Protein backbone atom coordinates (compact mmCIF):
# COMPACT_ATOMS: atom_id res chain seq x y z
CA MET A 1 -127.47 7.83 182.42
CA SER A 2 -129.71 9.71 183.62
CA ASP A 3 -131.36 12.54 181.32
CA HIS A 4 -129.99 15.26 182.66
CA ARG A 5 -126.81 13.93 182.80
CA HIS A 6 -126.96 13.03 178.73
CA ARG A 7 -128.39 16.44 178.06
CA PHE A 8 -125.63 18.30 179.86
CA LEU A 9 -122.76 16.47 178.14
CA GLN A 10 -124.77 16.47 174.72
CA LEU A 11 -124.81 20.42 175.36
CA ALA A 12 -121.43 20.31 176.88
CA LEU A 13 -120.02 19.05 173.20
CA THR A 14 -122.21 21.05 171.19
CA ALA A 15 -120.89 24.26 173.00
CA ASP A 16 -117.28 23.08 172.34
CA ALA A 17 -116.72 23.32 176.46
CA LEU A 18 -116.11 19.53 175.90
CA ARG A 19 -113.02 18.65 173.90
CA PHE A 20 -111.58 15.33 173.00
CA GLY A 21 -107.83 14.76 172.14
CA GLN A 22 -104.68 15.41 174.25
CA PHE A 23 -104.44 18.22 177.00
CA THR A 24 -102.22 19.16 179.53
CA LEU A 25 -104.11 20.09 182.49
CA LYS A 26 -102.16 22.74 185.18
CA SER A 27 -101.32 19.17 187.50
CA GLY A 28 -99.58 18.61 184.61
CA ARG A 29 -101.47 15.22 183.94
CA LEU A 30 -101.94 14.82 179.99
CA SER A 31 -105.59 14.33 179.95
CA PRO A 32 -107.67 12.67 176.71
CA TYR A 33 -110.22 15.62 177.33
CA PHE A 34 -110.82 18.98 178.58
CA PHE A 35 -113.39 21.01 180.00
CA ASN A 36 -114.27 24.85 179.80
CA ALA A 37 -117.52 25.84 181.22
CA GLY A 38 -116.72 29.28 179.93
CA ARG A 39 -118.05 28.04 176.30
CA PHE A 40 -121.46 28.25 177.39
CA ASP A 41 -121.43 31.57 176.56
CA SER A 42 -125.17 32.27 175.39
CA GLY A 43 -128.65 32.92 177.07
CA ALA A 44 -129.66 29.60 175.57
CA ARG A 45 -126.73 27.62 176.53
CA MET A 46 -126.58 29.17 180.14
CA THR A 47 -130.75 28.23 180.48
CA GLN A 48 -130.01 24.94 179.15
CA LEU A 49 -126.83 24.33 181.58
CA ALA A 50 -129.10 25.75 184.72
CA ALA A 51 -131.98 23.11 184.09
CA CYS A 52 -129.41 20.98 184.10
CA TYR A 53 -127.97 21.87 187.42
CA ALA A 54 -131.57 22.09 188.87
CA ASP A 55 -132.81 18.74 187.87
CA ALA A 56 -129.26 17.62 189.00
CA VAL A 57 -130.08 19.07 192.63
CA GLU A 58 -133.56 18.29 192.33
CA ALA A 59 -132.82 14.32 191.67
CA THR A 60 -130.57 14.34 195.42
CA GLY A 61 -133.43 15.72 197.33
CA LEU A 62 -131.21 18.05 198.93
CA LYS A 63 -132.75 21.21 201.21
CA PHE A 64 -131.44 24.33 201.13
CA ASP A 65 -132.52 28.08 201.20
CA VAL A 66 -129.66 30.18 199.61
CA VAL A 67 -127.98 29.96 196.43
CA PHE A 68 -124.62 31.12 196.59
CA GLY A 69 -121.99 31.50 193.63
CA PRO A 70 -117.93 31.56 194.30
CA ALA A 71 -116.21 34.18 191.91
CA TYR A 72 -116.15 33.95 189.25
CA LYS A 73 -117.23 31.32 187.20
CA GLY A 74 -119.94 30.45 189.83
CA ILE A 75 -121.28 33.93 189.79
CA PRO A 76 -123.34 33.42 186.78
CA LEU A 77 -123.73 29.35 187.06
CA ALA A 78 -125.43 30.46 190.37
CA THR A 79 -127.72 33.38 188.76
CA ALA A 80 -128.65 30.94 185.92
CA THR A 81 -129.53 28.05 188.38
CA ALA A 82 -131.77 30.99 190.68
CA CYS A 83 -133.46 32.00 187.41
CA GLU A 84 -133.88 28.25 186.64
CA PHE A 85 -135.56 27.57 189.74
CA ALA A 86 -137.70 30.47 190.06
CA GLN A 87 -139.19 29.36 186.64
CA ARG A 88 -140.26 26.14 188.39
CA GLY A 89 -142.39 27.99 191.36
CA ARG A 90 -139.15 28.77 193.41
CA ASP A 91 -137.62 32.25 193.99
CA LEU A 92 -134.98 31.49 195.63
CA PRO A 93 -132.58 34.44 197.46
CA LEU A 94 -129.02 34.52 195.71
CA SER A 95 -125.80 35.48 197.21
CA PHE A 96 -122.36 35.83 195.82
CA ASN A 97 -118.71 37.46 196.79
CA ARG A 98 -116.06 39.86 195.40
CA LYS A 99 -112.35 38.31 195.11
CA GLU A 100 -111.78 41.77 196.79
CA ALA A 101 -113.38 43.51 199.45
CA LYS A 102 -114.63 46.85 198.39
CA ALA A 103 -113.82 49.96 200.77
CA HIS A 104 -116.64 52.09 199.76
CA GLY A 105 -120.38 52.00 199.28
CA GLU A 106 -121.97 49.25 200.72
CA GLY A 107 -118.19 47.87 201.18
CA GLY A 108 -117.37 44.00 202.15
CA ASN A 109 -116.97 41.07 199.95
CA LEU A 110 -120.34 39.90 199.22
CA ILE A 111 -123.23 40.91 197.42
CA GLY A 112 -126.80 39.58 197.08
CA ALA A 113 -128.73 37.67 199.88
CA ASP A 114 -128.01 37.85 203.60
CA MET A 115 -127.36 34.35 204.17
CA ASN A 116 -127.33 34.12 208.50
CA GLY A 117 -129.15 30.93 209.54
CA LYS A 118 -129.68 30.09 206.08
CA ARG A 119 -129.09 26.59 204.50
CA VAL A 120 -126.75 27.63 201.32
CA LEU A 121 -126.04 25.51 198.06
CA ILE A 122 -122.93 26.62 196.71
CA VAL A 123 -123.41 26.26 192.47
CA ASP A 124 -119.55 26.18 190.73
CA ASP A 125 -118.23 24.45 187.70
CA VAL A 126 -115.62 22.43 188.62
CA ILE A 127 -113.73 21.22 191.93
CA THR A 128 -109.95 20.60 190.85
CA ALA A 129 -107.52 21.68 194.06
CA GLY A 130 -110.67 22.43 196.20
CA THR A 131 -109.35 26.19 197.26
CA ALA A 132 -111.85 28.24 196.00
CA ILE A 133 -114.70 25.64 197.40
CA ARG A 134 -113.45 26.29 200.65
CA GLU A 135 -112.92 29.86 200.60
CA ALA A 136 -116.70 29.99 199.98
CA LEU A 137 -117.27 27.50 202.85
CA THR A 138 -115.45 29.53 204.78
CA ILE A 139 -117.12 32.74 203.65
CA ILE A 140 -120.45 31.41 204.23
CA LYS A 141 -120.11 30.49 207.76
CA ASP A 142 -118.28 33.94 208.21
CA ALA A 143 -121.56 35.10 207.42
CA GLY A 144 -123.87 32.84 209.81
CA GLY A 145 -124.90 30.71 207.23
CA THR A 146 -124.61 26.91 206.73
CA PRO A 147 -123.32 25.17 203.84
CA ALA A 148 -125.82 22.55 202.90
CA GLY A 149 -124.18 20.86 199.64
CA ILE A 150 -122.29 21.66 196.39
CA VAL A 151 -123.21 20.78 193.14
CA VAL A 152 -120.76 20.97 190.03
CA ALA A 153 -121.00 20.70 186.35
CA LEU A 154 -118.43 18.03 185.93
CA ASP A 155 -116.69 15.67 188.54
CA ARG A 156 -113.48 14.26 186.63
CA GLN A 157 -113.12 11.69 189.76
CA GLU A 158 -109.27 11.74 189.77
CA ILE A 159 -107.21 11.04 191.94
CA ALA A 160 -105.85 14.57 194.14
CA SER A 161 -102.22 13.27 194.17
CA GLU A 162 -100.12 9.64 194.59
CA THR A 163 -100.54 9.79 198.41
CA ASP A 164 -103.94 11.06 198.51
CA LEU A 165 -106.72 8.45 196.09
CA ARG A 166 -109.21 10.72 196.86
CA SER A 167 -110.57 13.09 194.25
CA ALA A 168 -110.76 16.72 195.20
CA ALA A 169 -114.71 16.44 195.32
CA GLN A 170 -114.60 13.79 197.71
CA ALA A 171 -111.76 15.61 199.83
CA VAL A 172 -114.08 18.84 200.16
CA ALA A 173 -117.36 16.63 200.97
CA GLU A 174 -115.56 14.79 203.42
CA GLU A 175 -114.19 17.67 205.27
CA ALA A 176 -117.17 19.58 205.31
CA GLY A 177 -119.54 16.90 205.85
CA ILE A 178 -122.11 17.79 203.22
CA PRO A 179 -123.17 16.41 199.69
CA VAL A 180 -120.74 17.35 196.54
CA VAL A 181 -123.85 16.74 193.81
CA ALA A 182 -122.04 16.41 189.81
CA VAL A 183 -124.28 17.40 187.19
CA ALA A 184 -122.21 14.39 185.20
CA THR A 185 -119.02 12.70 186.08
CA LEU A 186 -116.09 10.41 184.19
CA ALA A 187 -118.03 7.69 184.09
CA ASP A 188 -120.89 9.18 182.61
CA LEU A 189 -118.44 10.67 180.07
CA LEU A 190 -117.26 7.00 179.47
CA ASP A 191 -121.14 5.59 178.78
CA PHE A 192 -121.88 8.91 176.61
CA ALA A 193 -118.70 8.15 174.35
CA SER A 194 -119.55 4.75 174.06
CA GLY A 195 -123.36 5.69 172.75
CA ASN A 196 -121.92 8.35 170.24
CA PRO A 197 -119.72 6.54 167.02
CA GLU A 198 -118.24 9.91 166.99
CA LEU A 199 -116.91 9.70 170.02
CA VAL A 200 -116.34 5.85 170.73
CA GLY A 201 -112.66 6.37 169.51
CA TYR A 202 -112.04 8.06 172.80
CA ARG A 203 -113.18 5.73 175.19
CA GLN A 204 -110.10 3.65 175.10
CA PRO A 205 -107.89 6.92 176.26
CA LEU A 206 -110.62 7.95 178.81
CA GLU A 207 -110.52 4.55 180.26
CA ASP A 208 -106.47 4.42 180.53
CA TYR A 209 -106.62 7.58 181.72
CA ARG A 210 -109.29 6.29 184.75
CA SER A 211 -107.20 3.36 185.29
CA ARG A 212 -104.07 5.72 186.01
CA TYR A 213 -105.79 8.66 187.61
CA GLY A 214 -109.39 7.65 188.89
CA SER A 215 -110.16 8.02 192.14
CA ARG A 216 -111.17 4.96 194.69
CA PRO A 217 -115.14 4.90 195.34
CA THR A 218 -115.89 6.19 198.91
CA ARG A 219 -117.30 3.42 201.45
């Protein structure tokens, strides 16, 4: 497992953003783990998280000009990631959206840098159903930008439904024709649990969950 993946999972565990047990998801599935990016709730944690995001993006060689954060969780994540890139010597423009368009002042539903004619990297926490990401893709295109890729913290790598054996990330990547980069995946989580004496007992429930709901590898 690459260093940024291990650092991210350890950080998520320490921050209680990654929890093990029994959790009922919005889909109704009973999951042996739960991820909540809202628990990265301090400057130090966000700084460490942003470094993991930046490392994941750099490892792919993805080319982009602007960082975009979808409301709401994507806004602090994109902001922190842009700050991390600035620390590395690359000062990137930053943009994000409002959930509701503003009728006064500057108006509209976009804040920050102009995306017209630019390649845009979307930064978010997860892709669950893909609805928010699809909305972000539309917003970027309407602003004249070109989506270049998406980076998320964790890819659960589970099927969207019994009739669609792709994960939400796979579906979005195929539909949009752009890469979806995950800082870590369910496969990484399994490796992480195997190497941690405190978590090794959760490996079998994780394996069982993946056997039942795991998405099929893309060709």
